Amino acid sequence: MSQHLRHLGPGYRKGTPGLGLVETARHPDNGRKKIVFLTAKGRDLIAKIDRLLVGPG
């Protein structure tokens, strides 16, 4: 899973850019855990997919 998140995140491997769709942050109570959230680019992609699947309005 971590490899997939790196690919979806800002950077993949040694300078290879990721897709920039998600970001991760350390969990405030447990440093071994990470919180994953969508970036603005990720939210835009979800909105486009939603419009394709559901249709306008």
C-alpha atoms as a PDB file:
ATOM      1  CA  MET A   1       0.000   0.000   0.000  1.00  0.00           C
ATOM      2  CA  SER A   2       2.800   2.433   0.807  1.00  0.00           C
ATOM      3  CA  GLN A   3       4.238   2.023  -2.686  1.00  0.00           C
ATOM      4  CA  HIS A   4       0.861   2.896  -4.211  1.00  0.00           C
ATOM      5  CA  LEU A   5       0.533   5.941  -1.955  1.00  0.00           C
ATOM      6  CA  ARG A   6       4.002   7.145  -2.981  1.00  0.00           C
ATOM      7  CA  HIS A   7       2.979   6.865  -6.633  1.00  0.00           C
ATOM      8  CA  LEU A   8      -0.256   8.789  -5.959  1.00  0.00           C
ATOM      9  CA  GLY A   9       1.612  11.354  -3.837  1.00  0.00           C
ATOM     10  CA  PRO A  10       4.066  14.123  -4.721  1.00  0.00           C
ATOM     11  CA  GLY A  11       7.140  11.971  -5.413  1.00  0.00           C
ATOM     12  CA  TYR A  12       7.634   8.335  -6.304  1.00  0.00           C
ATOM     13  CA  ARG A  13      11.277   7.169  -6.387  1.00  0.00           C
ATOM     14  CA  LYS A  14      14.527   9.140  -6.397  1.00  0.00           C
ATOM     15  CA  GLY A  15      13.258  12.219  -8.191  1.00  0.00           C
ATOM     16  CA  THR A  16      10.525  10.530 -10.186  1.00  0.00           C
ATOM     17  CA  PRO A  17       7.421  12.677  -9.804  1.00  0.00           C
ATOM     18  CA  GLY A  18       4.248  11.143  -8.463  1.00  0.00           C
ATOM     19  CA  LEU A  19       0.735  11.997  -9.552  1.00  0.00           C
ATOM     20  CA  GLY A  20       0.176  14.558  -6.794  1.00  0.00           C
ATOM     21  CA  LEU A  21      -3.311  13.275  -5.946  1.00  0.00           C
ATOM     22  CA  VAL A  22      -2.776  12.564  -2.238  1.00  0.00           C
ATOM     23  CA  GLU A  23      -0.671  13.793   0.658  1.00  0.00           C
ATOM     24  CA  THR A  24       0.224  12.029   3.878  1.00  0.00           C
ATOM     25  CA  ALA A  25       0.793  13.320   7.380  1.00  0.00           C
ATOM     26  CA  ARG A  26       1.790  11.641  10.624  1.00  0.00           C
ATOM     27  CA  HIS A  27      -1.054  10.680  12.926  1.00  0.00           C
ATOM     28  CA  PRO A  28      -0.940  13.067  15.900  1.00  0.00           C
ATOM     29  CA  ASP A  29      -1.396  10.313  18.510  1.00  0.00           C
ATOM     30  CA  ASN A  30       0.598   7.500  16.910  1.00  0.00           C
ATOM     31  CA  GLY A  31       3.712   8.341  14.890  1.00  0.00           C
ATOM     32  CA  ARG A  32       3.688   4.938  13.201  1.00  0.00           C
ATOM     33  CA  LYS A  33       0.361   5.708  11.532  1.00  0.00           C
ATOM     34  CA  LYS A  34      -0.225   8.059   8.619  1.00  0.00           C
ATOM     35  CA  ILE A  35      -3.241  10.097   7.622  1.00  0.00           C
ATOM     36  CA  VAL A  36      -3.932  10.210   3.878  1.00  0.00           C
ATOM     37  CA  PHE A  37      -5.951  12.972   2.276  1.00  0.00           C
ATOM     38  CA  LEU A  38      -6.693  14.214  -1.219  1.00  0.00           C
ATOM     39  CA  THR A  39      -4.934  17.253  -2.642  1.00  0.00           C
ATOM     40  CA  ALA A  40      -6.830  19.861  -4.665  1.00  0.00           C
ATOM     41  CA  LYS A  41      -5.761  17.968  -7.792  1.00  0.00           C
ATOM     42  CA  GLY A  42      -7.145  14.743  -6.314  1.00  0.00           C
ATOM     43  CA  ARG A  43     -10.464  16.394  -5.415  1.00  0.00           C
ATOM     44  CA  ASP A  44     -10.731  17.798  -8.959  1.00  0.00           C
ATOM     45  CA  LEU A  45     -10.160  14.335 -10.420  1.00  0.00           C
ATOM     46  CA  ILE A  46     -12.847  12.824  -8.172  1.00  0.00           C
ATOM     47  CA  ALA A  47     -15.277  15.569  -9.249  1.00  0.00           C
ATOM     48  CA  LYS A  48     -14.566  14.858 -12.931  1.00  0.00           C
ATOM     49  CA  ILE A  49     -15.090  11.125 -12.441  1.00  0.00           C
ATOM     50  CA  ASP A  50     -18.297  11.805 -10.535  1.00  0.00           C
ATOM     51  CA  ARG A  51     -19.617  13.992 -13.374  1.00  0.00           C
ATOM     52  CA  LEU A  52     -18.812  11.245 -15.886  1.00  0.00           C
ATOM     53  CA  LEU A  53     -20.534   8.536 -13.857  1.00  0.00           C
ATOM     54  CA  VAL A  54     -23.516  10.477 -12.521  1.00  0.00           C
ATOM     55  CA  GLY A  55     -23.915  13.143 -15.181  1.00  0.00           C
ATOM     56  CA  PRO A  56     -24.530  16.847 -14.806  1.00  0.00           C
ATOM     57  CA  GLY A  57     -26.878  18.213 -12.129  1.00  0.00           C
END
